[in-house]
Amino acid sequence: MATLPSLLILAILILAGVQKAVKIQAHTDDSTVQIALTEPEPPVPPVVTPVTPTPPTPTPPQIVKPVPVIQPVRPQPVPQPTVSPAPVSTLPSAEMAAPAPAPVPTPAPPKAVAAVPTPAPEAPPVKPSNASIESGYVAKLRAHLNSIKRYPTGREASQQKPQGKVKVWFVLKRDGTLVEQGIDESSNSMLLDDAARKTINRAAFPAFPESSWTGEATHRFSAELEFVPGAG
């Protein structure tokens, strides 16, 4: 109840503000607008450079050469010589009687012929004899066996340390195949003899030369093997 007077006053003020008329006055601009019409400037005419005409080159006058007139030449009469008959002689003349000598041909100088050296005959190659071929093959076998021989190993060999030479024999086919082998001369040591046999068994023998031991299917060889302790 106490706030009623204040609410009434607030409502009156709102109504008074709504009813207040807003007067809108039209705004007129009294300034004068001046329009100036400008004429476009006339176009500037292009500057034309006068062209000086080139005088024509004078053509030299052509000189016409006169054509000479050839007059026909009249032939002059040729005087005919007077021929007097010569006396006819019955004797033959010397020129007709003697025949002309035949020309003697000049012999051409002989051409120099270069001497072709005769090649010396080549000496026929000396073919090695069968004996030299066979001895070379045997030496090859013995060198091969000595290169692959091994000193016996084991407790007995290290204690006894045998030393000596063993002469072995072996039979080979022509293709190098081992057929059989044995001992010709013993070293008085079973260890060294056994080492020699093992050397023959593990050897790889080459085939026979073609011209060696002709007609033999097999051949018997021998070799001497020396065993030294510590030499391998």
Protein backbone atom coordinates (compact mmCIF):
# COMPACT_ATOMS: atom_id res chain seq x y z
CA MET A 1 0.00 0.00 0.00
CA ALA A 2 2.85 2.30 0.65
CA THR A 3 4.28 1.88 -2.93
CA LEU A 4 1.05 2.73 -4.79
CA PRO A 5 1.63 6.51 -5.03
CA SER A 6 5.08 5.90 -6.57
CA LEU A 7 3.69 3.42 -9.12
CA LEU A 8 1.01 5.88 -10.18
CA ILE A 9 3.57 8.60 -10.72
CA LEU A 10 5.72 6.24 -12.86
CA ALA A 11 2.74 5.26 -15.04
CA ILE A 12 1.86 8.93 -15.64
CA LEU A 13 5.37 9.72 -16.76
CA ILE A 14 5.41 6.80 -19.25
CA LEU A 15 2.10 7.90 -20.80
CA ALA A 16 3.32 11.46 -21.08
CA GLY A 17 6.41 10.33 -22.97
CA VAL A 18 4.47 8.20 -25.41
CA GLN A 19 2.05 10.98 -26.24
CA LYS A 20 4.80 13.46 -26.93
CA ALA A 21 4.70 14.08 -30.61
CA VAL A 22 7.89 14.14 -32.50
CA LYS A 23 7.80 16.90 -34.98
CA ILE A 24 9.85 16.15 -38.08
CA GLN A 25 10.68 19.16 -40.12
CA ALA A 26 11.85 18.78 -43.67
CA HIS A 27 15.40 20.04 -44.21
CA THR A 28 15.79 22.04 -47.35
CA ASP A 29 19.22 22.93 -48.83
CA ASP A 30 19.13 26.42 -50.24
CA SER A 31 22.60 26.11 -51.88
CA THR A 32 22.52 26.56 -55.65
CA VAL A 33 24.12 23.90 -57.84
CA GLN A 34 25.97 25.39 -60.78
CA ILE A 35 26.51 23.19 -63.84
CA ALA A 36 29.25 24.28 -66.20
CA LEU A 37 29.35 22.89 -69.71
CA THR A 38 32.91 22.54 -71.06
CA GLU A 39 33.48 22.09 -74.74
CA PRO A 40 36.17 19.52 -75.72
CA GLU A 41 39.41 20.90 -77.14
CA PRO A 42 39.83 20.46 -80.87
CA PRO A 43 42.20 17.58 -81.84
CA VAL A 44 45.76 18.55 -82.68
CA PRO A 45 46.47 17.83 -86.36
CA PRO A 46 49.39 15.34 -86.92
CA VAL A 47 52.67 16.81 -88.03
CA VAL A 48 53.43 15.63 -91.55
CA THR A 49 57.11 15.62 -92.54
CA PRO A 50 57.49 16.55 -96.18
CA VAL A 51 59.14 13.80 -98.23
CA THR A 52 61.71 15.04 -100.67
CA PRO A 53 61.35 13.09 -103.90
CA THR A 54 64.55 11.36 -105.08
CA PRO A 55 65.53 12.50 -108.54
CA PRO A 56 65.59 9.63 -111.06
CA THR A 57 69.02 8.31 -112.02
CA PRO A 58 69.78 9.34 -115.57
CA THR A 59 70.27 6.38 -117.90
CA PRO A 60 73.37 6.75 -120.08
CA PRO A 61 72.56 6.75 -123.74
CA GLN A 62 73.30 3.53 -125.53
CA ILE A 63 75.85 3.75 -128.29
CA VAL A 64 74.83 1.79 -131.34
CA LYS A 65 77.86 0.49 -133.24
CA PRO A 66 77.49 0.51 -136.98
CA VAL A 67 77.44 -2.94 -138.51
CA PRO A 68 80.10 -3.16 -141.24
CA VAL A 69 78.80 -4.13 -144.61
CA ILE A 70 80.76 -6.97 -146.14
CA GLN A 71 81.01 -6.65 -149.86
CA PRO A 72 81.40 -9.84 -151.88
CA VAL A 73 84.89 -10.35 -153.29
CA ARG A 74 85.03 -11.29 -156.87
CA PRO A 75 87.49 -14.14 -157.61
CA GLN A 76 90.47 -13.14 -159.69
CA PRO A 77 91.27 -15.34 -162.65
CA VAL A 78 94.24 -17.60 -161.96
CA PRO A 79 96.66 -17.92 -164.86
CA GLN A 80 97.12 -21.49 -166.03
CA PRO A 81 100.80 -22.59 -166.02
CA THR A 82 102.18 -23.92 -169.24
CA VAL A 83 103.41 -27.50 -168.84
CA SER A 84 105.95 -28.75 -171.33
CA PRO A 85 106.14 -32.52 -171.84
CA ALA A 86 109.21 -34.04 -170.25
CA PRO A 87 111.23 -36.63 -172.13
CA VAL A 88 110.32 -40.12 -171.15
CA SER A 89 113.33 -42.24 -170.26
CA THR A 90 113.27 -45.99 -170.71
CA LEU A 91 115.97 -46.58 -168.06
CA PRO A 92 114.79 -47.15 -164.51
CA SER A 93 115.69 -44.41 -162.10
CA ALA A 94 118.14 -44.98 -159.30
CA GLU A 95 115.45 -44.44 -156.64
CA MET A 96 113.23 -47.12 -158.15
CA ALA A 97 116.08 -49.55 -158.73
CA ALA A 98 117.51 -49.50 -155.18
CA PRO A 99 114.98 -50.48 -152.50
CA ALA A 100 114.91 -48.39 -149.35
CA PRO A 101 116.81 -50.03 -146.44
CA ALA A 102 114.57 -51.42 -143.73
CA PRO A 103 114.84 -49.59 -140.39
CA VAL A 104 116.86 -51.50 -137.81
CA PRO A 105 114.84 -51.79 -134.53
CA THR A 106 116.67 -50.45 -131.51
CA PRO A 107 116.75 -53.11 -128.76
CA ALA A 108 115.02 -52.00 -125.55
CA PRO A 109 117.24 -51.82 -122.48
CA PRO A 110 116.80 -54.88 -120.25
CA LYS A 111 114.68 -54.33 -117.17
CA ALA A 112 116.32 -54.77 -113.84
CA VAL A 113 114.82 -57.76 -112.07
CA ALA A 114 114.96 -57.62 -108.30
CA ALA A 115 116.53 -60.69 -106.85
CA VAL A 116 114.03 -62.59 -104.73
CA PRO A 117 115.79 -64.12 -101.74
CA THR A 118 115.26 -67.83 -101.60
CA PRO A 119 114.06 -68.83 -98.13
CA ALA A 120 116.33 -71.24 -96.41
CA PRO A 121 114.74 -74.65 -95.92
CA GLU A 122 113.45 -75.12 -92.44
CA ALA A 123 115.15 -77.80 -90.48
CA PRO A 124 112.75 -80.59 -89.56
CA PRO A 125 111.94 -80.64 -85.86
CA VAL A 126 113.98 -83.13 -83.98
CA LYS A 127 111.66 -85.70 -82.53
CA PRO A 128 112.69 -87.09 -79.17
CA SER A 129 113.53 -90.76 -79.19
CA ASN A 130 111.41 -93.31 -77.41
CA ALA A 131 114.16 -93.90 -74.85
CA SER A 132 114.26 -90.23 -73.82
CA ILE A 133 110.45 -90.12 -73.57
CA GLU A 134 110.36 -93.24 -71.41
CA SER A 135 113.16 -92.06 -69.12
CA GLY A 136 111.39 -88.72 -68.68
CA TYR A 137 108.17 -90.49 -67.69
CA VAL A 138 110.00 -92.68 -65.12
CA ALA A 139 111.71 -89.61 -63.60
CA LYS A 140 108.30 -87.95 -63.35
CA LEU A 141 106.87 -90.97 -61.47
CA ARG A 142 109.73 -91.09 -58.97
CA ALA A 143 109.55 -87.35 -58.28
CA HIS A 144 105.80 -87.67 -57.66
CA LEU A 145 106.28 -90.55 -55.17
CA ASN A 146 108.99 -88.71 -53.22
CA SER A 147 106.76 -85.65 -52.99
CA ILE A 148 103.82 -87.54 -51.40
CA LYS A 149 105.73 -89.94 -49.11
CA ARG A 150 105.10 -89.54 -45.35
CA TYR A 151 107.25 -90.68 -42.46
CA PRO A 152 105.38 -93.20 -40.26
CA THR A 153 103.61 -91.82 -37.19
CA GLY A 154 102.69 -93.42 -33.88
CA ARG A 155 104.22 -94.26 -30.57
CA GLU A 156 106.44 -97.02 -31.96
CA ALA A 157 107.82 -94.80 -34.72
CA SER A 158 108.48 -91.95 -32.28
CA GLN A 159 110.36 -94.33 -29.97
CA GLN A 160 112.36 -96.28 -32.57
CA LYS A 161 112.81 -93.45 -35.12
CA PRO A 162 113.75 -95.83 -37.95
CA GLN A 163 115.69 -94.55 -40.95
CA GLY A 164 116.44 -96.16 -44.30
CA LYS A 165 115.57 -96.70 -47.96
CA VAL A 166 112.84 -98.88 -49.44
CA LYS A 167 112.96 -100.03 -53.06
CA VAL A 168 109.44 -100.66 -54.34
CA TRP A 169 108.03 -101.97 -57.63
CA PHE A 170 104.61 -101.40 -59.18
CA VAL A 171 102.82 -102.30 -62.40
CA LEU A 172 100.73 -99.69 -64.28
CA LYS A 173 98.35 -99.85 -67.20
CA ARG A 174 98.78 -97.42 -70.09
CA ASP A 175 96.14 -95.10 -68.60
CA GLY A 176 98.05 -94.92 -65.27
CA THR A 177 95.94 -97.39 -63.32
CA LEU A 178 97.81 -99.30 -60.60
CA VAL A 179 97.66 -103.08 -61.12
CA GLU A 180 99.91 -104.42 -58.35
CA GLN A 181 102.87 -103.36 -56.21
CA GLY A 182 105.48 -104.85 -53.87
CA ILE A 183 108.89 -104.37 -52.24
CA ASP A 184 112.13 -105.20 -54.01
CA GLU A 185 114.50 -104.26 -51.21
CA SER A 186 113.32 -103.84 -47.62
CA SER A 187 114.63 -101.25 -45.17
CA ASN A 188 114.64 -103.88 -42.38
CA SER A 189 111.87 -101.84 -40.74
CA MET A 190 108.25 -102.86 -41.03
CA LEU A 191 107.23 -99.27 -40.32
CA LEU A 192 109.20 -97.90 -43.29
CA ASP A 193 108.11 -100.73 -45.64
CA ASP A 194 104.47 -100.13 -44.73
CA ALA A 195 104.89 -96.37 -45.29
CA ALA A 196 106.32 -97.11 -48.78
CA ARG A 197 103.33 -99.31 -49.68
CA LYS A 198 100.92 -96.56 -48.56
CA THR A 199 102.79 -94.09 -50.73
CA ILE A 200 102.25 -96.25 -53.84
CA ASN A 201 98.55 -96.76 -53.05
CA ARG A 202 97.70 -93.06 -52.69
CA ALA A 203 99.71 -91.94 -55.73
CA ALA A 204 97.96 -90.59 -58.87
CA PHE A 205 99.96 -91.85 -61.86
CA PRO A 206 99.67 -90.13 -65.29
CA ALA A 207 98.99 -92.06 -68.50
CA PHE A 208 101.83 -93.36 -70.65
CA PRO A 209 103.14 -91.19 -73.51
CA GLU A 210 101.86 -92.37 -76.91
CA SER A 211 105.25 -93.42 -78.29
CA SER A 212 106.46 -95.15 -75.13
CA TRP A 213 106.52 -98.92 -74.55
CA THR A 214 104.80 -99.61 -77.84
CA GLY A 215 102.77 -102.82 -77.85
CA GLU A 216 102.72 -103.15 -74.05
CA ALA A 217 99.40 -102.98 -72.22
CA THR A 218 101.16 -102.76 -68.83
CA HIS A 219 104.66 -101.95 -67.65
CA ARG A 220 106.60 -102.59 -64.46
CA PHE A 221 108.35 -99.67 -62.73
CA SER A 222 110.56 -99.35 -59.64
CA ALA A 223 111.44 -96.50 -57.32
CA GLU A 224 113.57 -95.95 -54.22
CA LEU A 225 112.07 -94.07 -51.29
CA GLU A 226 114.22 -92.78 -48.44
CA PHE A 227 112.70 -92.07 -45.04
CA VAL A 228 114.44 -89.78 -42.53
CA PRO A 229 112.97 -88.85 -39.11
CA GLY A 230 111.77 -85.29 -39.01
CA ALA A 231 111.97 -84.92 -42.82
CA GLY A 232 108.28 -85.66 -43.36
